């Protein structure tokens, strides 16, 4: 039926790997999730400070959206290169999250370092996602675009549920660093998958000429 056809279209499409990359970034607690919020409060980050830095994270996202046309133009008007720059900037900016857990663990110092890294990383995500959406508009035919996008969004939800399930398995506050490592690994994998697509299929040229 339509469900099976949608999945076949998604998996077989040349844009599968970039879309899979955008799905992988959903497998994370390094956002404004209830899991990270609860742990930060457990680690004695004051609620007022947490709210302020959450707001600052939103500002970081706005900066990313505002600067997207600039970075897109700087990279030659290439959605492929903009997405690649965005996902790698996001992955690299999250590495201090893993480092803070490795060095300080589930401590107040580790929590503050984690929170600042999360806050400052948001801009890069708003380079990556609009570029992937642009690629979808350019490379996916209109008659299958709805099904293709629907499958991708459903996978985003599945991966959000997946990280929530991982949080249930590693439910002790002292185990939160495991969730951080999983999140950083997922985002780094997303960057590797996207770059592998650009190198393997040379789709960058196709997208830039469309």
C-alpha atoms as a PDB file:
ATOM      1  CA  UNK A   1       0.000   0.000   0.000  1.00  0.00           C
ATOM      2  CA  UNK A   2       0.939   3.645   0.321  1.00  0.00           C
ATOM      3  CA  UNK A   3       2.925   2.945   3.493  1.00  0.00           C
ATOM      4  CA  UNK A   4       5.165   0.379   1.794  1.00  0.00           C
ATOM      5  CA  UNK A   5       5.549   2.516  -1.316  1.00  0.00           C
ATOM      6  CA  UNK A   6       6.562   5.500   0.777  1.00  0.00           C
ATOM      7  CA  UNK A   7       9.292   3.501   2.467  1.00  0.00           C
ATOM      8  CA  UNK A   8      10.510   2.114  -0.834  1.00  0.00           C
ATOM      9  CA  UNK A   9      10.679   5.617  -2.251  1.00  0.00           C
ATOM     10  CA  UNK A  10      12.592   6.901   0.757  1.00  0.00           C
ATOM     11  CA  UNK A  11      15.164   4.099   0.922  1.00  0.00           C
ATOM     12  CA  UNK A  12      15.822   3.955  -2.813  1.00  0.00           C
ATOM     13  CA  UNK A  13      16.019   7.696  -3.419  1.00  0.00           C
ATOM     14  CA  UNK A  14      19.425   9.348  -4.048  1.00  0.00           C
ATOM     15  CA  UNK A  15      18.664  11.736  -1.177  1.00  0.00           C
ATOM     16  CA  UNK A  16      18.309   8.875   1.313  1.00  0.00           C
ATOM     17  CA  UNK A  17      21.689   9.359   2.987  1.00  0.00           C
ATOM     18  CA  UNK A  18      21.333  13.110   3.651  1.00  0.00           C
ATOM     19  CA  UNK A  19      17.821  12.485   4.939  1.00  0.00           C
ATOM     20  CA  UNK A  20      19.093   9.676   7.162  1.00  0.00           C
ATOM     21  CA  UNK A  21      21.671  12.128   8.446  1.00  0.00           C
ATOM     22  CA  UNK A  22      18.900  14.549   9.413  1.00  0.00           C
ATOM     23  CA  UNK A  23      17.114  11.707  11.212  1.00  0.00           C
ATOM     24  CA  UNK A  24      20.168  10.760  13.274  1.00  0.00           C
ATOM     25  CA  UNK A  25      20.342  14.208  14.887  1.00  0.00           C
ATOM     26  CA  UNK A  26      16.976  13.463  16.527  1.00  0.00           C
ATOM     27  CA  UNK A  27      18.628  10.796  18.686  1.00  0.00           C
ATOM     28  CA  UNK A  28      19.865  13.197  21.335  1.00  0.00           C
ATOM     29  CA  UNK A  29      19.294  14.520  24.833  1.00  0.00           C
ATOM     30  CA  UNK A  30      21.450  17.550  24.046  1.00  0.00           C
ATOM     31  CA  UNK A  31      18.485  19.822  23.497  1.00  0.00           C
ATOM     32  CA  UNK A  32      15.579  21.162  25.535  1.00  0.00           C
ATOM     33  CA  UNK A  33      14.305  17.685  26.315  1.00  0.00           C
ATOM     34  CA  UNK A  34      12.714  16.869  29.685  1.00  0.00           C
ATOM     35  CA  UNK A  35      15.518  14.354  30.255  1.00  0.00           C
ATOM     36  CA  UNK A  36      18.309  16.910  30.060  1.00  0.00           C
ATOM     37  CA  UNK A  37      16.271  19.490  31.986  1.00  0.00           C
ATOM     38  CA  UNK A  38      15.609  17.062  34.838  1.00  0.00           C
ATOM     39  CA  UNK A  39      19.262  16.051  35.015  1.00  0.00           C
ATOM     40  CA  UNK A  40      20.545  19.625  34.998  1.00  0.00           C
ATOM     41  CA  UNK A  41      18.224  20.466  37.874  1.00  0.00           C
ATOM     42  CA  UNK A  42      19.397  17.332  39.688  1.00  0.00           C
ATOM     43  CA  UNK A  43      22.980  18.552  39.193  1.00  0.00           C
ATOM     44  CA  UNK A  44      22.068  21.760  41.046  1.00  0.00           C
ATOM     45  CA  UNK A  45      21.924  24.154  38.109  1.00  0.00           C
ATOM     46  CA  UNK A  46      19.598  26.913  39.405  1.00  0.00           C
ATOM     47  CA  UNK A  47      16.265  27.061  37.639  1.00  0.00           C
ATOM     48  CA  UNK A  48      16.745  30.752  36.818  1.00  0.00           C
ATOM     49  CA  UNK A  49      20.135  30.143  35.250  1.00  0.00           C
ATOM     50  CA  UNK A  50      18.768  27.179  33.330  1.00  0.00           C
ATOM     51  CA  UNK A  51      15.931  29.296  31.960  1.00  0.00           C
ATOM     52  CA  UNK A  52      18.324  32.090  30.974  1.00  0.00           C
ATOM     53  CA  UNK A  53      20.653  29.725  29.108  1.00  0.00           C
ATOM     54  CA  UNK A  54      17.708  27.988  27.440  1.00  0.00           C
ATOM     55  CA  UNK A  55      16.697  31.409  26.175  1.00  0.00           C
ATOM     56  CA  UNK A  56      20.246  32.065  25.063  1.00  0.00           C
ATOM     57  CA  UNK A  57      20.110  28.772  23.152  1.00  0.00           C
ATOM     58  CA  UNK A  58      17.040  30.062  21.337  1.00  0.00           C
ATOM     59  CA  UNK A  59      18.983  33.215  20.466  1.00  0.00           C
ATOM     60  CA  UNK A  60      21.784  31.013  19.136  1.00  0.00           C
ATOM     61  CA  UNK A  61      19.228  29.311  16.901  1.00  0.00           C
ATOM     62  CA  UNK A  62      17.955  32.675  15.693  1.00  0.00           C
ATOM     63  CA  UNK A  63      21.536  33.679  14.880  1.00  0.00           C
ATOM     64  CA  UNK A  64      21.845  30.466  12.861  1.00  0.00           C
ATOM     65  CA  UNK A  65      18.666  31.223  10.924  1.00  0.00           C
ATOM     66  CA  UNK A  66      19.700  34.834  10.371  1.00  0.00           C
ATOM     67  CA  UNK A  67      23.180  33.893   9.168  1.00  0.00           C
ATOM     68  CA  UNK A  68      22.007  31.044   6.923  1.00  0.00           C
ATOM     69  CA  UNK A  69      21.743  33.194   3.760  1.00  0.00           C
ATOM     70  CA  UNK A  70      25.218  34.566   4.477  1.00  0.00           C
ATOM     71  CA  UNK A  71      26.890  31.174   4.956  1.00  0.00           C
ATOM     72  CA  UNK A  72      24.949  29.817   1.958  1.00  0.00           C
ATOM     73  CA  UNK A  73      26.305  32.638  -0.214  1.00  0.00           C
ATOM     74  CA  UNK A  74      29.790  32.289   1.241  1.00  0.00           C
ATOM     75  CA  UNK A  75      29.791  28.642   0.153  1.00  0.00           C
ATOM     76  CA  UNK A  76      28.873  29.487  -3.416  1.00  0.00           C
ATOM     77  CA  UNK A  77      25.122  29.157  -3.056  1.00  0.00           C
ATOM     78  CA  UNK A  78      25.522  25.421  -2.473  1.00  0.00           C
ATOM     79  CA  UNK A  79      22.910  23.782  -0.246  1.00  0.00           C
ATOM     80  CA  UNK A  80      25.122  20.688  -0.093  1.00  0.00           C
ATOM     81  CA  UNK A  81      28.135  22.555   1.215  1.00  0.00           C
ATOM     82  CA  UNK A  82      25.994  24.592   3.620  1.00  0.00           C
ATOM     83  CA  UNK A  83      24.447  21.428   5.066  1.00  0.00           C
ATOM     84  CA  UNK A  84      27.870  19.820   5.319  1.00  0.00           C
ATOM     85  CA  UNK A  85      29.303  22.844   7.115  1.00  0.00           C
ATOM     86  CA  UNK A  86      26.293  22.980   9.422  1.00  0.00           C
ATOM     87  CA  UNK A  87      26.309  19.349  10.490  1.00  0.00           C
ATOM     88  CA  UNK A  88      30.053  19.329  11.113  1.00  0.00           C
ATOM     89  CA  UNK A  89      29.898  22.600  13.049  1.00  0.00           C
ATOM     90  CA  UNK A  90      27.097  21.093  15.125  1.00  0.00           C
ATOM     91  CA  UNK A  91      29.001  17.853  15.739  1.00  0.00           C
ATOM     92  CA  UNK A  92      32.225  19.630  16.686  1.00  0.00           C
ATOM     93  CA  UNK A  93      30.461  22.087  18.978  1.00  0.00           C
ATOM     94  CA  UNK A  94      28.905  19.156  20.870  1.00  0.00           C
ATOM     95  CA  UNK A  95      32.229  17.417  21.496  1.00  0.00           C
ATOM     96  CA  UNK A  96      32.793  19.479  24.674  1.00  0.00           C
ATOM     97  CA  UNK A  97      29.592  17.902  26.012  1.00  0.00           C
ATOM     98  CA  UNK A  98      31.182  14.471  25.858  1.00  0.00           C
ATOM     99  CA  UNK A  99      34.472  15.857  27.147  1.00  0.00           C
ATOM    100  CA  UNK A 100      32.771  17.483  30.133  1.00  0.00           C
ATOM    101  CA  UNK A 101      31.131  14.198  31.087  1.00  0.00           C
ATOM    102  CA  UNK A 102      34.389  12.309  30.662  1.00  0.00           C
ATOM    103  CA  UNK A 103      36.384  14.755  32.783  1.00  0.00           C
ATOM    104  CA  UNK A 104      33.853  15.834  35.427  1.00  0.00           C
ATOM    105  CA  UNK A 105      31.064  13.282  35.065  1.00  0.00           C
ATOM    106  CA  UNK A 106      27.682  13.781  36.689  1.00  0.00           C
ATOM    107  CA  UNK A 107      28.791  16.767  38.788  1.00  0.00           C
ATOM    108  CA  UNK A 108      27.752  20.445  38.926  1.00  0.00           C
ATOM    109  CA  UNK A 109      30.911  21.407  37.031  1.00  0.00           C
ATOM    110  CA  UNK A 110      30.126  18.875  34.329  1.00  0.00           C
ATOM    111  CA  UNK A 111      26.548  20.130  34.174  1.00  0.00           C
ATOM    112  CA  UNK A 112      27.584  23.751  33.643  1.00  0.00           C
ATOM    113  CA  UNK A 113      30.072  22.807  30.925  1.00  0.00           C
ATOM    114  CA  UNK A 114      27.442  20.656  29.257  1.00  0.00           C
ATOM    115  CA  UNK A 115      24.819  23.398  29.395  1.00  0.00           C
ATOM    116  CA  UNK A 116      27.092  26.029  27.858  1.00  0.00           C
ATOM    117  CA  UNK A 117      28.125  23.672  25.050  1.00  0.00           C
ATOM    118  CA  UNK A 118      24.505  22.822  24.303  1.00  0.00           C
ATOM    119  CA  UNK A 119      23.567  26.502  24.303  1.00  0.00           C
ATOM    120  CA  UNK A 120      26.301  27.640  21.941  1.00  0.00           C
ATOM    121  CA  UNK A 121      25.860  24.755  19.496  1.00  0.00           C
ATOM    122  CA  UNK A 122      22.317  25.556  18.379  1.00  0.00           C
ATOM    123  CA  UNK A 123      23.250  27.971  15.586  1.00  0.00           C
ATOM    124  CA  UNK A 124      24.805  25.231  13.459  1.00  0.00           C
ATOM    125  CA  UNK A 125      21.642  23.136  13.444  1.00  0.00           C
ATOM    126  CA  UNK A 126      19.879  26.038  11.740  1.00  0.00           C
ATOM    127  CA  UNK A 127      22.391  25.896   8.918  1.00  0.00           C
ATOM    128  CA  UNK A 128      21.957  22.172   8.444  1.00  0.00           C
ATOM    129  CA  UNK A 129      18.191  21.709   8.540  1.00  0.00           C
ATOM    130  CA  UNK A 130      17.195  24.459   6.069  1.00  0.00           C
ATOM    131  CA  UNK A 131      19.850  23.219   3.644  1.00  0.00           C
ATOM    132  CA  UNK A 132      18.474  19.667   3.823  1.00  0.00           C
ATOM    133  CA  UNK A 133      14.976  21.015   3.240  1.00  0.00           C
ATOM    134  CA  UNK A 134      16.276  22.919   0.218  1.00  0.00           C
ATOM    135  CA  UNK A 135      17.835  19.737  -1.145  1.00  0.00           C
ATOM    136  CA  UNK A 136      14.528  17.934  -0.700  1.00  0.00           C
ATOM    137  CA  UNK A 137      12.747  20.627  -2.697  1.00  0.00           C
ATOM    138  CA  UNK A 138      15.351  20.494  -5.446  1.00  0.00           C
ATOM    139  CA  UNK A 139      16.033  16.763  -5.761  1.00  0.00           C
ATOM    140  CA  UNK A 140      12.792  14.994  -4.825  1.00  0.00           C
ATOM    141  CA  UNK A 141      10.100  15.011  -7.497  1.00  0.00           C
ATOM    142  CA  UNK A 142       6.899  16.756  -6.505  1.00  0.00           C
ATOM    143  CA  UNK A 143       4.747  13.641  -6.971  1.00  0.00           C
ATOM    144  CA  UNK A 144       6.678  11.685  -4.304  1.00  0.00           C
ATOM    145  CA  UNK A 145       7.906  14.548  -2.122  1.00  0.00           C
ATOM    146  CA  UNK A 146       5.040  14.238   0.341  1.00  0.00           C
ATOM    147  CA  UNK A 147       5.633  10.532   0.906  1.00  0.00           C
ATOM    148  CA  UNK A 148       9.387  11.035   1.123  1.00  0.00           C
ATOM    149  CA  UNK A 149       9.084  13.831   3.687  1.00  0.00           C
ATOM    150  CA  UNK A 150       6.454  11.903   5.640  1.00  0.00           C
ATOM    151  CA  UNK A 151       8.735   8.906   6.081  1.00  0.00           C
ATOM    152  CA  UNK A 152      11.596  11.135   7.181  1.00  0.00           C
ATOM    153  CA  UNK A 153       9.435  12.877   9.768  1.00  0.00           C
ATOM    154  CA  UNK A 154       8.141   9.557  11.070  1.00  0.00           C
ATOM    155  CA  UNK A 155      11.715   8.371  11.502  1.00  0.00           C
ATOM    156  CA  UNK A 156      12.520  11.556  13.410  1.00  0.00           C
ATOM    157  CA  UNK A 157       9.751  10.636  15.856  1.00  0.00           C
ATOM    158  CA  UNK A 158      11.013   7.058  16.115  1.00  0.00           C
ATOM    159  CA  UNK A 159      14.503   8.262  17.007  1.00  0.00           C
ATOM    160  CA  UNK A 160      13.089  10.700  19.572  1.00  0.00           C
ATOM    161  CA  UNK A 161      11.291   7.753  21.145  1.00  0.00           C
ATOM    162  CA  UNK A 162      14.531   5.781  20.891  1.00  0.00           C
ATOM    163  CA  UNK A 163      16.533   8.236  22.991  1.00  0.00           C
ATOM    164  CA  UNK A 164      13.654   8.375  25.474  1.00  0.00           C
ATOM    165  CA  UNK A 165      13.791   4.574  25.721  1.00  0.00           C
ATOM    166  CA  UNK A 166      17.546   4.788  26.282  1.00  0.00           C
ATOM    167  CA  UNK A 167      16.858   7.264  29.081  1.00  0.00           C
ATOM    168  CA  UNK A 168      14.572   4.689  30.686  1.00  0.00           C
ATOM    169  CA  UNK A 169      17.312   2.064  30.508  1.00  0.00           C
ATOM    170  CA  UNK A 170      19.979   4.429  31.843  1.00  0.00           C
ATOM    171  CA  UNK A 171      17.641   6.100  34.302  1.00  0.00           C
ATOM    172  CA  UNK A 172      20.026   6.836  37.161  1.00  0.00           C
ATOM    173  CA  UNK A 173      21.376  10.400  37.230  1.00  0.00           C
ATOM    174  CA  UNK A 174      24.889   8.992  37.446  1.00  0.00           C
ATOM    175  CA  UNK A 175      24.260   7.265  34.092  1.00  0.00           C
ATOM    176  CA  UNK A 176      23.349  10.454  32.249  1.00  0.00           C
ATOM    177  CA  UNK A 177      26.861  10.699  30.723  1.00  0.00           C
ATOM    178  CA  UNK A 178      26.023   7.518  28.763  1.00  0.00           C
ATOM    179  CA  UNK A 179      23.125   9.338  27.123  1.00  0.00           C
ATOM    180  CA  UNK A 180      25.451  12.224  26.309  1.00  0.00           C
ATOM    181  CA  UNK A 181      27.950   9.886  24.657  1.00  0.00           C
ATOM    182  CA  UNK A 182      25.139   8.267  22.632  1.00  0.00           C
ATOM    183  CA  UNK A 183      23.886  11.684  21.558  1.00  0.00           C
ATOM    184  CA  UNK A 184      27.308  12.933  20.470  1.00  0.00           C
ATOM    185  CA  UNK A 185      27.915   9.649  18.627  1.00  0.00           C
ATOM    186  CA  UNK A 186      24.603  10.019  16.771  1.00  0.00           C
ATOM    187  CA  UNK A 187      25.338  13.584  15.656  1.00  0.00           C
ATOM    188  CA  UNK A 188      28.892  12.698  14.641  1.00  0.00           C
ATOM    189  CA  UNK A 189      27.530   9.733  12.677  1.00  0.00           C
ATOM    190  CA  UNK A 190      25.117  12.114  10.957  1.00  0.00           C
ATOM    191  CA  UNK A 191      28.058  14.267   9.856  1.00  0.00           C
ATOM    192  CA  UNK A 192      29.976  11.246   8.581  1.00  0.00           C
ATOM    193  CA  UNK A 193      26.944   9.939   6.671  1.00  0.00           C
ATOM    194  CA  UNK A 194      26.328  13.288   4.999  1.00  0.00           C
ATOM    195  CA  UNK A 195      29.967  13.709   3.973  1.00  0.00           C
ATOM    196  CA  UNK A 196      30.080  10.119   2.712  1.00  0.00           C
ATOM    197  CA  UNK A 197      27.100  10.907   0.483  1.00  0.00           C
ATOM    198  CA  UNK A 198      28.814  13.946  -1.020  1.00  0.00           C
ATOM    199  CA  UNK A 199      31.959  11.944  -1.717  1.00  0.00           C
ATOM    200  CA  UNK A 200      30.285   8.785  -3.006  1.00  0.00           C
ATOM    201  CA  UNK A 201      27.579  10.100  -5.269  1.00  0.00           C
ATOM    202  CA  UNK A 202      28.882  13.583  -6.071  1.00  0.00           C
ATOM    203  CA  UNK A 203      25.306  14.779  -5.614  1.00  0.00           C
ATOM    204  CA  UNK A 204      26.580  18.190  -4.660  1.00  0.00           C
ATOM    205  CA  UNK A 205      27.093  19.039  -8.307  1.00  0.00           C
ATOM    206  CA  UNK A 206      23.642  17.818  -9.236  1.00  0.00           C
ATOM    207  CA  UNK A 207      21.965  19.870  -6.516  1.00  0.00           C
ATOM    208  CA  UNK A 208      23.946  22.987  -7.264  1.00  0.00           C
ATOM    209  CA  UNK A 209      22.989  22.844 -10.933  1.00  0.00           C
ATOM    210  CA  UNK A 210      19.278  22.219 -10.326  1.00  0.00           C
END
